[in-house]
Amino acid sequence: LAKKKNMRVLGYPFDAIAKEFPVNAWATTPQWAKDHPDLVDSFGAVMRRTATWANGNRAKSGEILAKYTNVASPAATVRYAEQLTATMIQPQIDVLAKYGNISGFAATELF
């Protein structure tokens, strides 16, 4: 849409963090997970299946996303993570630590 209106890209600010990284994730406390292992497993399985479907059906998932966010055609820019790994979230930790928002640590401590 921007190109059609003769606009141009000035930059990609998220690239300062990493080429790809998750912008959100679900989390809980260790105690809640210990008390509700079936719910944790079920929720994780549903989220993985949903991500796999959405990644394989980008046009349809883009329509759904556009409907609920009022953003036209976001499918080209959205890729859903089918798992969460320490490698995926380390860049955010590093940037937060660089600017003094948190003390740096290895993302593997979260898993």
PDB file of N, CA and C in Angstrom:
ATOM      1  N   LEU A   1       0.832  -1.194   0.000  1.00  0.00           N
ATOM      2  CA  LEU A   1       0.000   0.000   0.000  1.00  0.00           C
ATOM      3  C   LEU A   1       0.868   1.246   0.000  1.00  0.00           C
ATOM      4  N   ALA A   2       1.918   1.241   0.791  1.00  0.00           N
ATOM      5  CA  ALA A   2       2.802   2.405   0.860  1.00  0.00           C
ATOM      6  C   ALA A   2       3.468   2.663  -0.486  1.00  0.00           C
ATOM      7  N   LYS A   3       3.906   1.616  -1.169  1.00  0.00           N
ATOM      8  CA  LYS A   3       4.547   1.788  -2.472  1.00  0.00           C
ATOM      9  C   LYS A   3       3.589   2.391  -3.491  1.00  0.00           C
ATOM     10  N   LYS A   4       2.319   2.025  -3.417  1.00  0.00           N
ATOM     11  CA  LYS A   4       1.326   2.572  -4.336  1.00  0.00           C
ATOM     12  C   LYS A   4       1.122   4.062  -4.115  1.00  0.00           C
ATOM     13  N   LYS A   5       1.409   4.534  -2.934  1.00  0.00           N
ATOM     14  CA  LYS A   5       1.239   5.962  -2.615  1.00  0.00           C
ATOM     15  C   LYS A   5       2.566   6.710  -2.687  1.00  0.00           C
ATOM     16  N   ASN A   6       3.537   6.109  -3.390  1.00  0.00           N
ATOM     17  CA  ASN A   6       4.864   6.701  -3.572  1.00  0.00           C
ATOM     18  C   ASN A   6       5.586   6.982  -2.258  1.00  0.00           C
ATOM     19  N   MET A   7       5.379   6.150  -1.276  1.00  0.00           N
ATOM     20  CA  MET A   7       6.110   6.251  -0.023  1.00  0.00           C
ATOM     21  C   MET A   7       7.332   5.354  -0.116  1.00  0.00           C
ATOM     22  N   ARG A   8       8.303   5.585   0.729  1.00  0.00           N
ATOM     23  CA  ARG A   8       9.489   4.732   0.708  1.00  0.00           C
ATOM     24  C   ARG A   8       9.862   4.318   2.130  1.00  0.00           C
ATOM     25  N   VAL A   9      10.556   3.236   2.212  1.00  0.00           N
ATOM     26  CA  VAL A   9      10.995   2.701   3.499  1.00  0.00           C
ATOM     27  C   VAL A   9      12.214   3.490   3.948  1.00  0.00           C
ATOM     28  N   LEU A  10      12.175   3.968   5.176  1.00  0.00           N
ATOM     29  CA  LEU A  10      13.329   4.670   5.740  1.00  0.00           C
ATOM     30  C   LEU A  10      14.254   3.727   6.486  1.00  0.00           C
ATOM     31  N   GLY A  11      13.714   2.634   6.949  1.00  0.00           N
ATOM     32  CA  GLY A  11      14.539   1.670   7.660  1.00  0.00           C
ATOM     33  C   GLY A  11      13.694   0.563   8.239  1.00  0.00           C
ATOM     34  N   TYR A  12      14.371  -0.415   8.763  1.00  0.00           N
ATOM     35  CA  TYR A  12      13.731  -1.565   9.387  1.00  0.00           C
ATOM     36  C   TYR A  12      14.219  -1.634  10.831  1.00  0.00           C
ATOM     37  N   PRO A  13      13.577  -0.920  11.743  1.00  0.00           N
ATOM     38  CA  PRO A  13      14.095  -0.829  13.110  1.00  0.00           C
ATOM     39  C   PRO A  13      14.204  -2.166  13.837  1.00  0.00           C
ATOM     40  N   PHE A  14      13.324  -3.102  13.539  1.00  0.00           N
ATOM     41  CA  PHE A  14      13.416  -4.395  14.215  1.00  0.00           C
ATOM     42  C   PHE A  14      14.680  -5.153  13.830  1.00  0.00           C
ATOM     43  N   ASP A  15      15.244  -4.851  12.669  1.00  0.00           N
ATOM     44  CA  ASP A  15      16.487  -5.509  12.259  1.00  0.00           C
ATOM     45  C   ASP A  15      17.640  -5.180  13.205  1.00  0.00           C
ATOM     46  N   ALA A  16      17.499  -4.125  14.001  1.00  0.00           N
ATOM     47  CA  ALA A  16      18.528  -3.799  14.996  1.00  0.00           C
ATOM     48  C   ALA A  16      18.566  -4.857  16.098  1.00  0.00           C
ATOM     49  N   ILE A  17      17.477  -5.586  16.251  1.00  0.00           N
ATOM     50  CA  ILE A  17      17.424  -6.667  17.251  1.00  0.00           C
ATOM     51  C   ILE A  17      17.864  -7.965  16.599  1.00  0.00           C
ATOM     52  N   ALA A  18      17.180  -8.365  15.538  1.00  0.00           N
ATOM     53  CA  ALA A  18      17.516  -9.591  14.800  1.00  0.00           C
ATOM     54  C   ALA A  18      16.655  -9.635  13.545  1.00  0.00           C
ATOM     55  N   LYS A  19      17.057 -10.449  12.575  1.00  0.00           N
ATOM     56  CA  LYS A  19      16.263 -10.597  11.349  1.00  0.00           C
ATOM     57  C   LYS A  19      14.887 -11.175  11.661  1.00  0.00           C
ATOM     58  N   GLU A  20      14.848 -12.127  12.559  1.00  0.00           N
ATOM     59  CA  GLU A  20      13.585 -12.716  13.017  1.00  0.00           C
ATOM     60  C   GLU A  20      13.663 -12.927  14.513  1.00  0.00           C
ATOM     61  N   PHE A  21      12.571 -12.622  15.182  1.00  0.00           N
ATOM     62  CA  PHE A  21      12.461 -12.888  16.611  1.00  0.00           C
ATOM     63  C   PHE A  21      10.987 -12.836  16.997  1.00  0.00           C
ATOM     64  N   PRO A  22      10.603 -13.553  18.024  1.00  0.00           N
ATOM     65  CA  PRO A  22       9.199 -13.526  18.436  1.00  0.00           C
ATOM     66  C   PRO A  22       8.869 -12.202  19.106  1.00  0.00           C
ATOM     67  N   VAL A  23       7.685 -11.694  18.835  1.00  0.00           N
ATOM     68  CA  VAL A  23       7.258 -10.460  19.482  1.00  0.00           C
ATOM     69  C   VAL A  23       6.357 -10.730  20.680  1.00  0.00           C
ATOM     70  N   ASN A  24       5.974 -11.978  20.860  1.00  0.00           N
ATOM     71  CA  ASN A  24       5.229 -12.348  22.055  1.00  0.00           C
ATOM     72  C   ASN A  24       5.374 -13.848  22.300  1.00  0.00           C
ATOM     73  N   ALA A  25       5.049 -14.244  23.496  1.00  0.00           N
ATOM     74  CA  ALA A  25       5.086 -15.658  23.869  1.00  0.00           C
ATOM     75  C   ALA A  25       4.224 -15.834  25.110  1.00  0.00           C
ATOM     76  N   TRP A  26       3.766 -17.020  25.313  1.00  0.00           N
ATOM     77  CA  TRP A  26       2.992 -17.344  26.508  1.00  0.00           C
ATOM     78  C   TRP A  26       3.936 -17.879  27.573  1.00  0.00           C
ATOM     79  N   ALA A  27       3.686 -17.527  28.817  1.00  0.00           N
ATOM     80  CA  ALA A  27       4.537 -17.996  29.914  1.00  0.00           C
ATOM     81  C   ALA A  27       3.683 -18.228  31.150  1.00  0.00           C
ATOM     82  N   THR A  28       4.219 -18.988  32.065  1.00  0.00           N
ATOM     83  CA  THR A  28       3.556 -19.218  33.347  1.00  0.00           C
ATOM     84  C   THR A  28       4.633 -19.432  34.404  1.00  0.00           C
ATOM     85  N   THR A  29       4.202 -19.590  35.610  1.00  0.00           N
ATOM     86  CA  THR A  29       5.157 -19.861  36.684  1.00  0.00           C
ATOM     87  C   THR A  29       5.451 -21.356  36.728  1.00  0.00           C
ATOM     88  N   PRO A  30       6.612 -21.717  37.224  1.00  0.00           N
ATOM     89  CA  PRO A  30       6.911 -23.153  37.366  1.00  0.00           C
ATOM     90  C   PRO A  30       5.873 -23.883  38.223  1.00  0.00           C
ATOM     91  N   GLN A  31       5.387 -23.233  39.261  1.00  0.00           N
ATOM     92  CA  GLN A  31       4.416 -23.882  40.147  1.00  0.00           C
ATOM     93  C   GLN A  31       3.102 -24.155  39.426  1.00  0.00           C
ATOM     94  N   TRP A  32       2.608 -23.173  38.668  1.00  0.00           N
ATOM     95  CA  TRP A  32       1.347 -23.373  37.948  1.00  0.00           C
ATOM     96  C   TRP A  32       1.508 -24.493  36.928  1.00  0.00           C
ATOM     97  N   ALA A  33       2.630 -24.510  36.225  1.00  0.00           N
ATOM     98  CA  ALA A  33       2.888 -25.566  35.243  1.00  0.00           C
ATOM     99  C   ALA A  33       2.939 -26.936  35.924  1.00  0.00           C
ATOM    100  N   LYS A  34       3.563 -26.984  37.097  1.00  0.00           N
ATOM    101  CA  LYS A  34       3.651 -28.246  37.844  1.00  0.00           C
ATOM    102  C   LYS A  34       2.261 -28.709  38.291  1.00  0.00           C
ATOM    103  N   ASP A  35       1.411 -27.754  38.691  1.00  0.00           N
ATOM    104  CA  ASP A  35       0.068 -28.080  39.165  1.00  0.00           C
ATOM    105  C   ASP A  35      -0.912 -28.414  38.044  1.00  0.00           C
ATOM    106  N   HIS A  36      -0.603 -27.999  36.805  1.00  0.00           N
ATOM    107  CA  HIS A  36      -1.526 -28.173  35.672  1.00  0.00           C
ATOM    108  C   HIS A  36      -0.813 -28.727  34.438  1.00  0.00           C
ATOM    109  N   PRO A  37      -0.120 -29.847  34.554  1.00  0.00           N
ATOM    110  CA  PRO A  37       0.661 -30.345  33.411  1.00  0.00           C
ATOM    111  C   PRO A  37      -0.191 -30.679  32.186  1.00  0.00           C
ATOM    112  N   ASP A  38      -1.399 -31.176  32.387  1.00  0.00           N
ATOM    113  CA  ASP A  38      -2.254 -31.512  31.244  1.00  0.00           C
ATOM    114  C   ASP A  38      -2.655 -30.257  30.471  1.00  0.00           C
ATOM    115  N   LEU A  39      -2.973 -29.175  31.192  1.00  0.00           N
ATOM    116  CA  LEU A  39      -3.333 -27.924  30.524  1.00  0.00           C
ATOM    117  C   LEU A  39      -2.141 -27.333  29.783  1.00  0.00           C
ATOM    118  N   VAL A  40      -0.967 -27.394  30.384  1.00  0.00           N
ATOM    119  CA  VAL A  40       0.237 -26.890  29.732  1.00  0.00           C
ATOM    120  C   VAL A  40       0.485 -27.655  28.438  1.00  0.00           C
ATOM    121  N   ASP A  41       0.415 -28.966  28.503  1.00  0.00           N
ATOM    122  CA  ASP A  41       0.642 -29.789  27.311  1.00  0.00           C
ATOM    123  C   ASP A  41      -0.408 -29.536  26.234  1.00  0.00           C
ATOM    124  N   SER A  42      -1.680 -29.465  26.636  1.00  0.00           N
ATOM    125  CA  SER A  42      -2.758 -29.235  25.674  1.00  0.00           C
ATOM    126  C   SER A  42      -2.638 -27.870  25.019  1.00  0.00           C
ATOM    127  N   PHE A  43      -2.378 -26.847  25.827  1.00  0.00           N
ATOM    128  CA  PHE A  43      -2.248 -25.497  25.294  1.00  0.00           C
ATOM    129  C   PHE A  43      -1.077 -25.419  24.320  1.00  0.00           C
ATOM    130  N   GLY A  44       0.048 -25.987  24.699  1.00  0.00           N
ATOM    131  CA  GLY A  44       1.215 -25.987  23.822  1.00  0.00           C
ATOM    132  C   GLY A  44       0.938 -26.689  22.510  1.00  0.00           C
ATOM    133  N   ALA A  45       0.244 -27.817  22.576  1.00  0.00           N
ATOM    134  CA  ALA A  45      -0.073 -28.578  21.361  1.00  0.00           C
ATOM    135  C   ALA A  45      -0.993 -27.781  20.441  1.00  0.00           C
ATOM    136  N   VAL A  46      -1.991 -27.133  21.010  1.00  0.00           N
ATOM    137  CA  VAL A  46      -2.918 -26.327  20.204  1.00  0.00           C
ATOM    138  C   VAL A  46      -2.189 -25.146  19.570  1.00  0.00           C
ATOM    139  N   MET A  47      -1.340 -24.481  20.316  1.00  0.00           N
ATOM    140  CA  MET A  47      -0.606 -23.340  19.768  1.00  0.00           C
ATOM    141  C   MET A  47       0.340 -23.779  18.643  1.00  0.00           C
ATOM    142  N   ARG A  48       0.996 -24.917  18.809  1.00  0.00           N
ATOM    143  CA  ARG A  48       1.879 -25.432  17.749  1.00  0.00           C
ATOM    144  C   ARG A  48       1.083 -25.794  16.492  1.00  0.00           C
ATOM    145  N   ARG A  49      -0.037 -26.486  16.678  1.00  0.00           N
ATOM    146  CA  ARG A  49      -0.866 -26.856  15.519  1.00  0.00           C
ATOM    147  C   ARG A  49      -1.396 -25.611  14.804  1.00  0.00           C
ATOM    148  N   THR A  50      -1.794 -24.628  15.575  1.00  0.00           N
ATOM    149  CA  THR A  50      -2.300 -23.380  14.993  1.00  0.00           C
ATOM    150  C   THR A  50      -1.204 -22.674  14.204  1.00  0.00           C
ATOM    151  N   ALA A  51      -0.011 -22.585  14.768  1.00  0.00           N
ATOM    152  CA  ALA A  51       1.107 -21.939  14.075  1.00  0.00           C
ATOM    153  C   ALA A  51       1.445 -22.683  12.788  1.00  0.00           C
ATOM    154  N   THR A  52       1.469 -24.003  12.856  1.00  0.00           N
ATOM    155  CA  THR A  52       1.768 -24.802  11.670  1.00  0.00           C
ATOM    156  C   THR A  52       0.711 -24.572  10.592  1.00  0.00           C
ATOM    157  N   TRP A  53      -0.559 -24.563  10.983  1.00  0.00           N
ATOM    158  CA  TRP A  53      -1.631 -24.312  10.017  1.00  0.00           C
ATOM    159  C   TRP A  53      -1.491 -22.915   9.421  1.00  0.00           C
ATOM    160  N   ALA A  54      -1.297 -21.913  10.270  1.00  0.00           N
ATOM    161  CA  ALA A  54      -1.218 -20.525   9.794  1.00  0.00           C
ATOM    162  C   ALA A  54      -0.038 -20.321   8.845  1.00  0.00           C
ATOM    163  N   ASN A  55       1.101 -20.937   9.147  1.00  0.00           N
ATOM    164  CA  ASN A  55       2.268 -20.822   8.271  1.00  0.00           C
ATOM    165  C   ASN A  55       2.037 -21.506   6.933  1.00  0.00           C
ATOM    166  N   GLY A  56       1.236 -22.557   6.919  1.00  0.00           N
ATOM    167  CA  GLY A  56       0.942 -23.280   5.690  1.00  0.00           C
ATOM    168  C   GLY A  56      -0.243 -22.732   4.922  1.00  0.00           C
ATOM    169  N   ASN A  57      -0.976 -21.818   5.537  1.00  0.00           N
ATOM    170  CA  ASN A  57      -2.171 -21.229   4.922  1.00  0.00           C
ATOM    171  C   ASN A  57      -2.116 -19.712   5.089  1.00  0.00           C
ATOM    172  N   ARG A  58      -1.058 -19.112   4.569  1.00  0.00           N
ATOM    173  CA  ARG A  58      -0.785 -17.695   4.826  1.00  0.00           C
ATOM    174  C   ARG A  58      -1.906 -16.768   4.342  1.00  0.00           C
ATOM    175  N   ALA A  59      -2.490 -17.061   3.204  1.00  0.00           N
ATOM    176  CA  ALA A  59      -3.557 -16.188   2.705  1.00  0.00           C
ATOM    177  C   ALA A  59      -4.753 -16.203   3.660  1.00  0.00           C
ATOM    178  N   LYS A  60      -5.178 -17.395   4.046  1.00  0.00           N
ATOM    179  CA  LYS A  60      -6.339 -17.511   4.939  1.00  0.00           C
ATOM    180  C   LYS A  60      -6.011 -16.964   6.324  1.00  0.00           C
ATOM    181  N   SER A  61      -4.832 -17.287   6.850  1.00  0.00           N
ATOM    182  CA  SER A  61      -4.481 -16.769   8.175  1.00  0.00           C
ATOM    183  C   SER A  61      -4.336 -15.252   8.126  1.00  0.00           C
ATOM    184  N   GLY A  62      -3.869 -14.718   6.981  1.00  0.00           N
ATOM    185  CA  GLY A  62      -3.792 -13.270   6.815  1.00  0.00           C
ATOM    186  C   GLY A  62      -5.166 -12.624   6.832  1.00  0.00           C
ATOM    187  N   GLU A  63      -6.136 -13.278   6.198  1.00  0.00           N
ATOM    188  CA  GLU A  63      -7.523 -12.771   6.226  1.00  0.00           C
ATOM    189  C   GLU A  63      -8.057 -12.720   7.652  1.00  0.00           C
ATOM    190  N   ILE A  64      -7.804 -13.776   8.405  1.00  0.00           N
ATOM    191  CA  ILE A  64      -8.275 -13.830   9.794  1.00  0.00           C
ATOM    192  C   ILE A  64      -7.599 -12.740  10.620  1.00  0.00           C
ATOM    193  N   LEU A  65      -6.290 -12.607  10.473  1.00  0.00           N
ATOM    194  CA  LEU A  65      -5.556 -11.582  11.211  1.00  0.00           C
ATOM    195  C   LEU A  65      -6.050 -10.184  10.839  1.00  0.00           C
ATOM    196  N   ALA A  66      -6.266  -9.944   9.554  1.00  0.00           N
ATOM    197  CA  ALA A  66      -6.757  -8.636   9.104  1.00  0.00           C
ATOM    198  C   ALA A  66      -8.136  -8.335   9.699  1.00  0.00           C
ATOM    199  N   LYS A  67      -8.972  -9.342   9.760  1.00  0.00           N
ATOM    200  CA  LYS A  67     -10.326  -9.157  10.294  1.00  0.00           C
ATOM    201  C   LYS A  67     -10.293  -8.671  11.745  1.00  0.00           C
ATOM    202  N   TYR A  68      -9.413  -9.231  12.551  1.00  0.00           N
ATOM    203  CA  TYR A  68      -9.406  -8.906  13.978  1.00  0.00           C
ATOM    204  C   TYR A  68      -8.449  -7.784  14.371  1.00  0.00           C
ATOM    205  N   THR A  69      -7.572  -7.378  13.451  1.00  0.00           N
ATOM    206  CA  THR A  69      -6.631  -6.305  13.781  1.00  0.00           C
ATOM    207  C   THR A  69      -6.859  -5.042  12.960  1.00  0.00           C
ATOM    208  N   ASN A  70      -7.726  -5.124  11.967  1.00  0.00           N
ATOM    209  CA  ASN A  70      -7.958  -4.001  11.053  1.00  0.00           C
ATOM    210  C   ASN A  70      -6.686  -3.576  10.327  1.00  0.00           C
ATOM    211  N   VAL A  71      -5.782  -4.537  10.091  1.00  0.00           N
ATOM    212  CA  VAL A  71      -4.566  -4.293   9.322  1.00  0.00           C
ATOM    213  C   VAL A  71      -4.733  -5.032   7.999  1.00  0.00           C
ATOM    214  N   ALA A  72      -4.629  -4.310   6.905  1.00  0.00           N
ATOM    215  CA  ALA A  72      -4.830  -4.922   5.598  1.00  0.00           C
ATOM    216  C   ALA A  72      -3.656  -5.811   5.210  1.00  0.00           C
ATOM    217  N   SER A  73      -3.943  -7.014   4.789  1.00  0.00           N
ATOM    218  CA  SER A  73      -2.979  -7.965   4.231  1.00  0.00           C
ATOM    219  C   SER A  73      -1.696  -8.146   5.031  1.00  0.00           C
ATOM    220  N   PRO A  74      -1.775  -8.518   6.294  1.00  0.00           N
ATOM    221  CA  PRO A  74      -0.550  -8.726   7.072  1.00  0.00           C
ATOM    222  C   PRO A  74       0.112 -10.069   6.831  1.00  0.00           C
ATOM    223  N   ALA A  75      -0.497 -10.925   6.027  1.00  0.00           N
ATOM    224  CA  ALA A  75       0.008 -12.295   5.876  1.00  0.00           C
ATOM    225  C   ALA A  75       1.440 -12.348   5.366  1.00  0.00           C
ATOM    226  N   ALA A  76       1.834 -11.405   4.552  1.00  0.00           N
ATOM    227  CA  ALA A  76       3.181 -11.442   3.983  1.00  0.00           C
ATOM    228  C   ALA A  76       4.260 -11.198   5.034  1.00  0.00           C
ATOM    229  N   THR A  77       3.901 -10.605   6.141  1.00  0.00           N
ATOM    230  CA  THR A  77       4.916 -10.251   7.143  1.00  0.00           C
ATOM    231  C   THR A  77       4.862 -11.110   8.397  1.00  0.00           C
ATOM    232  N   VAL A  78       3.856 -11.929   8.520  1.00  0.00           N
ATOM    233  CA  VAL A  78       3.696 -12.700   9.759  1.00  0.00           C
ATOM    234  C   VAL A  78       4.117 -14.149   9.552  1.00  0.00           C
ATOM    235  N   ARG A  79       5.015 -14.603  10.403  1.00  0.00           N
ATOM    236  CA  ARG A  79       5.381 -16.015  10.446  1.00  0.00           C
ATOM    237  C   ARG A  79       5.270 -16.424  11.899  1.00  0.00           C
ATOM    238  N   TYR A  80       4.550 -17.470  12.160  1.00  0.00           N
ATOM    239  CA  TYR A  80       4.307 -17.916  13.532  1.00  0.00           C
ATOM    240  C   TYR A  80       5.340 -18.951  13.943  1.00  0.00           C
ATOM    241  N   ALA A  81       5.898 -18.767  15.121  1.00  0.00           N
ATOM    242  CA  ALA A  81       6.876 -19.721  15.640  1.00  0.00           C
ATOM    243  C   ALA A  81       6.149 -20.993  16.058  1.00  0.00           C
ATOM    244  N   GLU A  82       6.697 -22.112  15.666  1.00  0.00           N
ATOM    245  CA  GLU A  82       6.100 -23.394  16.012  1.00  0.00           C
ATOM    246  C   GLU A  82       6.737 -23.979  17.262  1.00  0.00           C
ATOM    247  N   GLN A  83       7.734 -23.299  17.761  1.00  0.00           N
ATOM    248  CA  GLN A  83       8.357 -23.653  19.041  1.00  0.00           C
ATOM    249  C   GLN A  83       9.085 -22.418  19.543  1.00  0.00           C
ATOM    250  N   LEU A  84       9.386 -22.376  20.810  1.00  0.00           N
ATOM    251  CA  LEU A  84      10.139 -21.269  21.392  1.00  0.00           C
ATOM    252  C   LEU A  84      11.452 -21.823  21.905  1.00  0.00           C
ATOM    253  N   THR A  85      12.548 -21.218  21.460  1.00  0.00           N
ATOM    254  CA  THR A  85      13.866 -21.674  21.879  1.00  0.00           C
ATOM    255  C   THR A  85      14.644 -20.512  22.472  1.00  0.00           C
ATOM    256  N   ALA A  86      15.659 -20.843  23.222  1.00  0.00           N
ATOM    257  CA  ALA A  86      16.521 -19.822  23.808  1.00  0.00           C
ATOM    258  C   ALA A  86      17.180 -18.977  22.733  1.00  0.00           C
ATOM    259  N   THR A  87      17.577 -19.596  21.640  1.00  0.00           N
ATOM    260  CA  THR A  87      18.226 -18.877  20.539  1.00  0.00           C
ATOM    261  C   THR A  87      17.306 -17.801  19.966  1.00  0.00           C
ATOM    262  N   MET A  88      16.016 -18.076  19.935  1.00  0.00           N
ATOM    263  CA  MET A  88      15.065 -17.124  19.375  1.00  0.00           C
ATOM    264  C   MET A  88      14.921 -15.873  20.238  1.00  0.00           C
ATOM    265  N   ILE A  89      15.024 -16.018  21.555  1.00  0.00           N
ATOM    266  CA  ILE A  89      14.771 -14.874  22.425  1.00  0.00           C
ATOM    267  C   ILE A  89      16.033 -14.205  22.969  1.00  0.00           C
ATOM    268  N   GLN A  90      17.193 -14.795  22.724  1.00  0.00           N
ATOM    269  CA  GLN A  90      18.435 -14.188  23.204  1.00  0.00           C
ATOM    270  C   GLN A  90      18.657 -12.770  22.648  1.00  0.00           C
ATOM    271  N   PRO A  91      18.326 -12.500  21.371  1.00  0.00           N
ATOM    272  CA  PRO A  91      18.536 -11.143  20.879  1.00  0.00           C
ATOM    273  C   PRO A  91      17.791 -10.066  21.674  1.00  0.00           C
ATOM    274  N   GLN A  92      16.557 -10.334  22.092  1.00  0.00           N
ATOM    275  CA  GLN A  92      15.824  -9.347  22.892  1.00  0.00           C
ATOM    276  C   GLN A  92      16.492  -9.141  24.245  1.00  0.00           C
ATOM    277  N   ILE A  93      16.936 -10.219  24.857  1.00  0.00           N
ATOM    278  CA  ILE A  93      17.626 -10.111  26.144  1.00  0.00           C
ATOM    279  C   ILE A  93      18.880  -9.267  25.984  1.00  0.00           C
ATOM    280  N   ASP A  94      19.624  -9.514  24.928  1.00  0.00           N
ATOM    281  CA  ASP A  94      20.863  -8.773  24.690  1.00  0.00           C
ATOM    282  C   ASP A  94      20.608  -7.277  24.504  1.00  0.00           C
ATOM    283  N   VAL A  95      19.565  -6.923  23.749  1.00  0.00           N
ATOM    284  CA  VAL A  95      19.257  -5.510  23.532  1.00  0.00           C
ATOM    285  C   VAL A  95      18.796  -4.859  24.834  1.00  0.00           C
ATOM    286  N   LEU A  96      17.946  -5.530  25.574  1.00  0.00           N
ATOM    287  CA  LEU A  96      17.498  -4.984  26.861  1.00  0.00           C
ATOM    288  C   LEU A  96      18.669  -4.780  27.808  1.00  0.00           C
ATOM    289  N   ALA A  97      19.588  -5.701  27.826  1.00  0.00           N
ATOM    290  CA  ALA A  97      20.769  -5.578  28.692  1.00  0.00           C
ATOM    291  C   ALA A  97      21.686  -4.454  28.201  1.00  0.00           C
ATOM    292  N   LYS A  98      21.846  -4.344  26.902  1.00  0.00           N
ATOM    293  CA  LYS A  98      22.720  -3.310  26.328  1.00  0.00           C
ATOM    294  C   LYS A  98      22.291  -1.913  26.769  1.00  0.00           C
ATOM    295  N   TYR A  99      20.996  -1.684  26.843  1.00  0.00           N
ATOM    296  CA  TYR A  99      20.484  -0.364  27.194  1.00  0.00           C
ATOM    297  C   TYR A  99      20.083  -0.246  28.660  1.00  0.00           C
ATOM    298  N   GLY A 100      20.501  -1.210  29.472  1.00  0.00           N
ATOM    299  CA  GLY A 100      20.324  -1.120  30.914  1.00  0.00           C
ATOM    300  C   GLY A 100      18.936  -1.391  31.442  1.00  0.00           C
ATOM    301  N   ASN A 101      18.076  -1.984  30.620  1.00  0.00           N
ATOM    302  CA  ASN A 101      16.730  -2.299  31.084  1.00  0.00           C
ATOM    303  C   ASN A 101      16.689  -3.533  31.986  1.00  0.00           C
ATOM    304  N   ILE A 102      17.604  -4.453  31.759  1.00  0.00           N
ATOM    305  CA  ILE A 102      17.718  -5.656  32.580  1.00  0.00           C
ATOM    306  C   ILE A 102      19.196  -6.013  32.697  1.00  0.00           C
ATOM    307  N   SER A 103      19.503  -6.897  33.614  1.00  0.00           N
ATOM    308  CA  SER A 103      20.845  -7.475  33.668  1.00  0.00           C
ATOM    309  C   SER A 103      20.889  -8.592  32.631  1.00  0.00           C
ATOM    310  N   GLY A 104      21.964  -8.664  31.880  1.00  0.00           N
ATOM    311  CA  GLY A 104      22.062  -9.696  30.855  1.00  0.00           C
ATOM    312  C   GLY A 104      22.141 -11.078  31.453  1.00  0.00           C
ATOM    313  N   PHE A 105      21.644 -12.041  30.734  1.00  0.00           N
ATOM    314  CA  PHE A 105      21.708 -13.446  31.137  1.00  0.00           C
ATOM    315  C   PHE A 105      21.505 -14.308  29.913  1.00  0.00           C
ATOM    316  N   ALA A 106      21.814 -15.560  30.049  1.00  0.00           N
ATOM    317  CA  ALA A 106      21.614 -16.517  28.957  1.00  0.00           C
ATOM    318  C   ALA A 106      20.155 -16.947  28.913  1.00  0.00           C
ATOM    319  N   ALA A 107      19.558 -16.865  27.752  1.00  0.00           N
ATOM    320  CA  ALA A 107      18.154 -17.256  27.601  1.00  0.00           C
ATOM    321  C   ALA A 107      17.913 -18.700  28.004  1.00  0.00           C
ATOM    322  N   THR A 108      18.951 -19.510  27.961  1.00  0.00           N
ATOM    323  CA  THR A 108      18.778 -20.916  28.353  1.00  0.00           C
ATOM    324  C   THR A 108      18.335 -21.045  29.809  1.00  0.00           C
ATOM    325  N   GLU A 109      18.580 -20.015  30.625  1.00  0.00           N
ATOM    326  CA  GLU A 109      18.124 -20.038  32.019  1.00  0.00           C
ATOM    327  C   GLU A 109      16.606 -20.051  32.131  1.00  0.00           C
ATOM    328  N   LEU A 110      15.914 -19.656  31.088  1.00  0.00           N
ATOM    329  CA  LEU A 110      14.451 -19.608  31.102  1.00  0.00           C
ATOM    330  C   LEU A 110      13.821 -20.939  30.774  1.00  0.00           C
ATOM    331  N   PHE A 111      14.619 -21.879  30.269  1.00  0.00           N
ATOM    332  CA  PHE A 111      14.070 -23.153  29.815  1.00  0.00           C
ATOM    333  C   PHE A 111      14.462 -24.282  30.727  1.00  0.00           C
TER     334      PHE A 111
END
